[in-house]
Amino acid sequence: MTSTGTVLITGPTRGLGRAATLAMADRPDGERPDLLLVGRAGEALTGVADEARARGAVVHEIGCDLSRLADVRTAAAAVRDLLDAGAVRPLRALVANAGAMSSDTRVASADGYELTFAVNYLAHAQLIGDLLGSFTEPARVVLLGSNTYSANFWRRLLHVPAARWRDPVDIARPGTGAQNPGVTASGVAYSDAKLAILYYAHELQRHTGAGIAVIVFEPGWMPGTALSRGAPPALQALGRGLARIPGVATPQRSGPALASVALDDRWADLRDGAFVVIDEVTEVRPVARDRDRERRLWAATAELLAGAGARG
């Protein structure tokens, strides 16, 4: 980017987020951004922050439980304080990397929303909305997407369900996921959250203007990562085995690619929720572009976040 500035990344402690964080910290002087690491406070967050500092980066840890929207609002306020105090350079990129896949759609977040939707989508919508006025342009918002929003031969073979879109308020309600034979409710909830991210990216660009580029990054299929930690042990073991197959994506490959999308001039012309699969811009399927759904999601998101604020 023209001026490196500061990058905020959520979920920097494991897998893809950790690899992307350290790839940014590994950049040479003059190309290395300051880093704001937003994740659960504790040894893992401190550990990756210390590793990044050892590589020469200016790093600030911001403890935040993304399943609690009050925590997200507090984290955004902490970011604004750091920027106002000049503790870091201007905010040039936000990487909404953190994700979760709840094994039970009846589990609710602290705000009463289905947990997968709350962490993957609502938390980042809150964070981005709270920080839109804090970016220095040109800037980028990079959202983590997934091809699971749409079924294909291989996903059907592996019983990976596609999204089953409905009104976002219903998607956010615990215990409403699909229960069809052979299709897990948790998988549908995850795919719904990822389709929501695509819709949100398109609508967000309409609200930000060209100075803040909105991009969606798909890291490739990475079985066995921390995302599956809520799955049954047998499925976690299967994922670890599949991760050893040649050609399957890994954090070591996709992490630096994510860092590149956040920082490099190669991607400077991307806008409008452009979908980057590791290192290639790819056209999304028609279901991922729907102006009516995008408008409704934007309005429903405001309702859901306001409702959480009233309870918090």
Protein backbone atom coordinates (compact mmCIF):
# COMPACT_ATOMS: atom_id res chain seq x y z
CA MET A 1 0.00 0.00 0.00
CA THR A 2 1.09 3.60 -0.47
CA SER A 3 1.65 3.99 3.27
CA THR A 4 1.85 0.89 5.42
CA GLY A 5 0.32 2.31 8.59
CA THR A 6 -1.49 0.00 11.00
CA VAL A 7 -3.32 -3.28 10.46
CA LEU A 8 -5.93 -4.59 12.88
CA ILE A 9 -6.49 -8.35 12.76
CA THR A 10 -8.97 -10.40 14.75
CA GLY A 11 -8.30 -13.99 15.75
CA PRO A 12 -4.49 -13.72 15.56
CA THR A 13 -3.61 -16.53 17.98
CA ARG A 14 -4.04 -19.69 15.91
CA GLY A 15 -3.96 -21.08 12.40
CA LEU A 16 -4.53 -18.65 9.58
CA GLY A 17 -4.63 -15.54 11.79
CA ARG A 18 -1.36 -16.36 13.51
CA ALA A 19 0.36 -17.12 10.21
CA ALA A 20 -0.90 -13.85 8.69
CA THR A 21 0.16 -11.85 11.74
CA LEU A 22 3.69 -13.21 11.70
CA ALA A 23 3.93 -12.80 7.91
CA MET A 24 3.15 -9.09 8.35
CA ALA A 25 5.65 -8.81 11.21
CA ASP A 26 8.31 -10.51 9.06
CA ARG A 27 8.20 -7.74 6.45
CA PRO A 28 11.28 -5.56 6.14
CA ASP A 29 11.59 -2.12 7.70
CA GLY A 30 9.55 0.37 5.72
CA GLU A 31 7.02 -2.29 4.70
CA ARG A 32 6.14 -3.64 8.14
CA PRO A 33 2.84 -2.38 9.57
CA ASP A 34 2.05 -1.68 13.18
CA LEU A 35 -0.26 -4.40 14.46
CA LEU A 36 -3.39 -4.31 16.59
CA LEU A 37 -4.16 -7.87 17.67
CA VAL A 38 -7.77 -8.38 18.76
CA GLY A 39 -8.55 -11.69 20.42
CA ARG A 40 -9.19 -13.45 23.69
CA ALA A 41 -6.84 -12.15 26.37
CA GLY A 42 -4.39 -14.73 27.67
CA GLU A 43 -1.18 -16.60 26.97
CA ALA A 44 -1.94 -17.27 23.30
CA LEU A 45 -2.54 -13.59 22.50
CA THR A 46 0.52 -12.49 24.47
CA GLY A 47 2.60 -15.21 22.82
CA VAL A 48 1.86 -14.18 19.23
CA ALA A 49 2.28 -10.51 20.17
CA ASP A 50 5.71 -11.24 21.63
CA GLU A 51 6.70 -13.19 18.50
CA ALA A 52 5.64 -10.31 16.28
CA ARG A 53 7.56 -7.81 18.44
CA ALA A 54 10.65 -10.01 18.21
CA ARG A 55 10.44 -9.60 14.45
CA GLY A 56 10.47 -5.82 14.82
CA ALA A 57 6.77 -4.90 14.75
CA VAL A 58 5.02 -2.37 16.96
CA VAL A 59 2.25 -4.46 18.51
CA HIS A 60 -0.68 -3.78 20.82
CA GLU A 61 -2.83 -6.56 22.28
CA ILE A 62 -6.53 -5.83 22.66
CA GLY A 63 -8.31 -8.47 24.68
CA CYS A 64 -11.79 -9.19 23.30
CA ASP A 65 -14.29 -12.02 23.41
CA LEU A 66 -15.96 -11.74 20.01
CA SER A 67 -19.01 -13.63 21.25
CA ARG A 68 -19.81 -10.59 23.43
CA LEU A 69 -20.73 -7.47 21.47
CA ALA A 70 -20.07 -5.28 24.51
CA ASP A 71 -16.48 -6.57 24.39
CA VAL A 72 -16.30 -5.70 20.69
CA ARG A 73 -17.49 -2.16 21.34
CA THR A 74 -14.90 -1.80 24.11
CA ALA A 75 -12.18 -3.10 21.78
CA ALA A 76 -13.16 -0.54 19.12
CA ALA A 77 -12.93 2.23 21.71
CA ALA A 78 -9.45 0.99 22.69
CA VAL A 79 -8.39 1.12 19.03
CA ARG A 80 -9.64 4.68 18.69
CA ASP A 81 -7.74 5.68 21.85
CA LEU A 82 -4.49 4.24 20.50
CA LEU A 83 -4.94 6.03 17.19
CA ASP A 84 -5.81 9.33 18.86
CA ALA A 85 -2.79 9.07 21.15
CA GLY A 86 -0.42 8.43 18.24
CA ALA A 87 0.63 5.11 19.77
CA VAL A 88 0.34 3.53 16.31
CA ARG A 89 0.38 4.83 12.77
CA PRO A 90 -2.87 5.55 10.87
CA LEU A 91 -5.28 2.64 10.48
CA ARG A 92 -4.98 1.35 6.92
CA ALA A 93 -6.43 -2.15 7.09
CA LEU A 94 -8.79 -4.26 9.15
CA VAL A 95 -8.65 -8.03 8.70
CA ALA A 96 -11.79 -9.71 10.04
CA ASN A 97 -10.18 -13.12 10.39
CA ALA A 98 -11.67 -14.61 13.56
CA GLY A 99 -14.17 -17.39 13.09
CA ALA A 100 -16.00 -20.14 14.92
CA MET A 101 -18.26 -23.07 14.10
CA SER A 102 -20.51 -24.06 16.95
CA SER A 103 -21.40 -27.75 17.00
CA ASP A 104 -24.88 -26.94 18.35
CA THR A 105 -27.02 -24.19 16.84
CA ARG A 106 -29.01 -24.01 20.08
CA VAL A 107 -26.00 -22.41 21.79
CA ALA A 108 -26.43 -18.65 22.14
CA SER A 109 -23.88 -15.89 22.41
CA ALA A 110 -23.87 -13.56 25.40
CA ASP A 111 -26.29 -11.36 23.43
CA GLY A 112 -28.70 -14.19 22.67
CA TYR A 113 -27.70 -14.84 19.05
CA GLU A 114 -26.73 -18.14 17.42
CA LEU A 115 -23.04 -18.46 18.22
CA THR A 116 -21.60 -19.13 14.75
CA PHE A 117 -23.46 -16.16 13.25
CA ALA A 118 -22.56 -13.98 16.24
CA VAL A 119 -18.80 -14.57 16.04
CA ASN A 120 -18.27 -14.87 12.28
CA TYR A 121 -20.59 -12.10 11.20
CA LEU A 122 -22.17 -9.87 13.84
CA ALA A 123 -19.00 -9.24 15.84
CA HIS A 124 -17.15 -8.03 12.77
CA ALA A 125 -20.07 -5.92 11.58
CA GLN A 126 -20.01 -4.21 15.00
CA LEU A 127 -16.23 -3.72 14.94
CA ILE A 128 -16.12 -2.40 11.39
CA GLY A 129 -19.07 -0.09 11.94
CA ASP A 130 -17.47 1.35 15.06
CA LEU A 131 -14.16 1.97 13.26
CA LEU A 132 -15.23 3.20 9.81
CA GLY A 133 -14.57 6.79 10.84
CA SER A 134 -11.08 5.90 12.09
CA PHE A 135 -9.51 4.71 8.83
CA THR A 136 -7.02 6.80 6.89
CA GLU A 137 -7.62 6.35 3.17
CA PRO A 138 -6.65 4.52 1.09
CA ALA A 139 -7.62 1.67 3.36
CA ARG A 140 -8.86 -1.91 3.14
CA VAL A 141 -11.37 -4.09 4.95
CA VAL A 142 -10.62 -7.77 4.38
CA LEU A 143 -13.36 -10.19 5.38
CA LEU A 144 -12.87 -13.95 5.69
CA GLY A 145 -15.14 -15.80 3.33
CA SER A 146 -15.67 -19.43 2.40
CA ASN A 147 -16.85 -21.30 -0.66
CA THR A 148 -19.14 -23.33 1.61
CA TYR A 149 -21.93 -20.84 0.83
CA SER A 150 -22.61 -22.87 -2.34
CA ALA A 151 -22.58 -26.63 -2.81
CA ASN A 152 -20.58 -28.37 -5.51
CA PHE A 153 -19.73 -32.02 -6.22
CA TRP A 154 -16.90 -32.26 -3.69
CA ARG A 155 -18.78 -30.49 -0.92
CA ARG A 156 -21.78 -32.73 -1.41
CA LEU A 157 -19.47 -35.76 -1.36
CA LEU A 158 -18.03 -34.60 1.96
CA HIS A 159 -21.50 -33.71 3.31
CA VAL A 160 -20.62 -30.02 3.56
CA PRO A 161 -23.98 -28.22 3.42
CA ALA A 162 -24.57 -25.07 1.43
CA ALA A 163 -26.27 -22.01 2.90
CA ARG A 164 -30.05 -22.08 3.33
CA TRP A 165 -30.72 -18.36 3.38
CA ARG A 166 -33.67 -16.85 5.19
CA ASP A 167 -34.33 -13.60 6.98
CA PRO A 168 -31.20 -12.58 8.95
CA VAL A 169 -33.18 -12.15 12.16
CA ASP A 170 -34.18 -15.80 11.87
CA ILE A 171 -30.60 -16.86 11.07
CA ALA A 172 -29.47 -15.07 14.24
CA ARG A 173 -32.01 -16.93 16.39
CA PRO A 174 -30.53 -19.98 18.19
CA GLY A 175 -31.85 -23.39 17.28
CA THR A 176 -33.31 -22.57 13.87
CA GLY A 177 -30.73 -24.29 11.62
CA ALA A 178 -31.72 -26.89 9.04
CA GLN A 179 -32.23 -30.38 10.41
CA ASN A 180 -32.51 -32.28 7.12
CA PRO A 181 -31.16 -35.86 7.06
CA GLY A 182 -27.46 -35.83 6.16
CA VAL A 183 -27.19 -32.07 6.57
CA THR A 184 -25.95 -30.79 9.91
CA ALA A 185 -27.49 -27.69 11.37
CA SER A 186 -24.05 -26.46 12.43
CA GLY A 187 -22.75 -26.74 8.87
CA VAL A 188 -25.71 -24.80 7.51
CA ALA A 189 -25.20 -22.13 10.18
CA TYR A 190 -21.55 -21.76 9.15
CA SER A 191 -22.42 -21.53 5.44
CA ASP A 192 -25.18 -19.01 6.20
CA ALA A 193 -22.68 -16.86 8.11
CA LYS A 194 -20.24 -16.98 5.19
CA LEU A 195 -22.95 -16.05 2.69
CA ALA A 196 -23.87 -13.16 4.99
CA ILE A 197 -20.27 -11.98 4.81
CA LEU A 198 -20.45 -11.82 1.01
CA TYR A 199 -23.73 -9.90 1.08
CA TYR A 200 -22.35 -7.56 3.76
CA ALA A 201 -19.17 -6.92 1.76
CA HIS A 202 -21.15 -5.78 -1.27
CA GLU A 203 -23.40 -3.50 0.78
CA LEU A 204 -20.53 -2.20 2.93
CA GLN A 205 -18.73 -0.98 -0.19
CA ARG A 206 -21.81 1.01 -1.18
CA HIS A 207 -21.70 2.76 2.20
CA THR A 208 -17.93 3.41 2.41
CA GLY A 209 -17.08 4.78 -1.01
CA ALA A 210 -13.98 3.97 -3.04
CA GLY A 211 -11.45 5.15 -0.43
CA ILE A 212 -11.98 2.05 1.71
CA ALA A 213 -11.73 -1.08 -0.41
CA VAL A 214 -13.78 -4.08 0.71
CA ILE A 215 -12.35 -7.50 -0.19
CA VAL A 216 -13.35 -11.06 0.76
CA PHE A 217 -10.55 -13.60 1.20
CA GLU A 218 -11.09 -17.36 0.95
CA PRO A 219 -8.08 -19.20 2.41
CA GLY A 220 -8.83 -22.52 0.75
CA TRP A 221 -9.99 -25.67 2.46
CA MET A 222 -7.98 -26.12 5.66
CA PRO A 223 -9.24 -29.21 7.53
CA GLY A 224 -7.92 -29.78 11.03
CA THR A 225 -7.51 -26.11 11.97
CA ALA A 226 -8.72 -24.54 15.22
CA LEU A 227 -12.02 -23.65 13.53
CA SER A 228 -13.17 -27.26 14.08
CA ARG A 229 -12.31 -27.34 17.77
CA GLY A 230 -16.01 -27.57 18.69
CA ALA A 231 -16.53 -30.65 16.51
CA PRO A 232 -16.63 -34.21 17.89
CA PRO A 233 -13.16 -35.75 18.46
CA ALA A 234 -13.58 -38.24 15.58
CA LEU A 235 -14.26 -35.44 13.10
CA GLN A 236 -11.32 -33.43 14.43
CA ALA A 237 -9.06 -36.45 13.92
CA LEU A 238 -10.39 -36.90 10.38
CA GLY A 239 -9.67 -33.24 9.66
CA ARG A 240 -6.08 -33.59 10.87
CA GLY A 241 -5.62 -36.56 8.57
CA LEU A 242 -7.08 -34.75 5.55
CA ALA A 243 -4.81 -31.78 6.25
CA ARG A 244 -1.82 -33.96 5.30
CA ILE A 245 -3.07 -34.53 1.75
CA PRO A 246 -0.84 -32.72 -0.80
CA GLY A 247 -2.54 -29.66 -2.24
CA VAL A 248 -4.81 -29.02 0.72
CA ALA A 249 -4.47 -25.43 1.94
CA THR A 250 -2.48 -24.73 5.10
CA PRO A 251 -2.06 -21.69 7.35
CA GLN A 252 1.59 -21.56 6.28
CA ARG A 253 0.54 -20.98 2.66
CA SER A 254 -2.69 -19.02 3.12
CA GLY A 255 -1.52 -16.81 6.00
CA PRO A 256 1.06 -14.90 3.93
CA ALA A 257 -1.52 -14.67 1.11
CA LEU A 258 -3.97 -13.03 3.53
CA ALA A 259 -1.25 -10.61 4.65
CA SER A 260 -0.62 -9.77 0.99
CA VAL A 261 -4.28 -8.99 0.31
CA ALA A 262 -4.29 -6.63 3.30
CA LEU A 263 -1.08 -4.81 2.34
CA ASP A 264 0.23 -5.20 -1.18
CA ASP A 265 -0.22 -2.91 -4.19
CA ARG A 266 -1.06 -5.98 -6.29
CA TRP A 267 -4.58 -5.84 -4.84
CA ALA A 268 -5.00 -2.06 -4.78
CA ASP A 269 -7.67 -1.96 -7.49
CA LEU A 270 -9.99 -4.50 -5.86
CA ARG A 271 -13.33 -3.21 -4.58
CA ASP A 272 -16.94 -4.26 -4.09
CA GLY A 273 -16.29 -7.43 -2.11
CA ALA A 274 -13.96 -8.94 -4.72
CA PHE A 275 -13.50 -12.63 -3.86
CA VAL A 276 -9.86 -13.74 -3.61
CA VAL A 277 -9.23 -17.46 -3.28
CA ILE A 278 -5.74 -17.63 -1.76
CA ASP A 279 -4.03 -15.61 -4.51
CA GLU A 280 -6.55 -15.51 -7.36
CA VAL A 281 -9.57 -13.28 -7.88
CA THR A 282 -12.57 -15.53 -8.50
CA GLU A 283 -16.14 -14.72 -9.53
CA VAL A 284 -18.72 -15.73 -6.94
CA ARG A 285 -21.80 -17.73 -7.87
CA PRO A 286 -25.00 -15.82 -8.67
CA VAL A 287 -26.54 -16.64 -5.28
CA ALA A 288 -23.84 -14.54 -3.61
CA ARG A 289 -25.05 -11.35 -5.30
CA ASP A 290 -28.58 -10.31 -4.41
CA ARG A 291 -29.32 -6.61 -3.95
CA ASP A 292 -32.56 -7.21 -2.03
CA ARG A 293 -30.90 -9.65 0.39
CA GLU A 294 -27.97 -7.30 0.83
CA ARG A 295 -30.21 -4.35 1.72
CA ARG A 296 -32.24 -6.48 4.11
CA LEU A 297 -29.11 -7.85 5.78
CA TRP A 298 -27.78 -4.31 6.30
CA ALA A 299 -31.03 -3.22 7.96
CA ALA A 300 -31.36 -6.40 10.02
CA THR A 301 -27.75 -6.11 11.18
CA ALA A 302 -28.44 -2.64 12.52
CA GLU A 303 -31.49 -4.02 14.35
CA LEU A 304 -29.56 -6.93 15.85
CA LEU A 305 -26.62 -4.79 16.97
CA ALA A 306 -28.91 -2.17 18.44
CA GLY A 307 -30.80 -4.88 20.30
CA ALA A 308 -27.57 -6.21 21.77
CA GLY A 309 -26.56 -2.69 22.78
CA ALA A 310 -29.86 -2.16 24.58
CA ARG A 311 -29.30 -5.41 26.53
CA GLY A 312 -25.61 -4.64 27.16
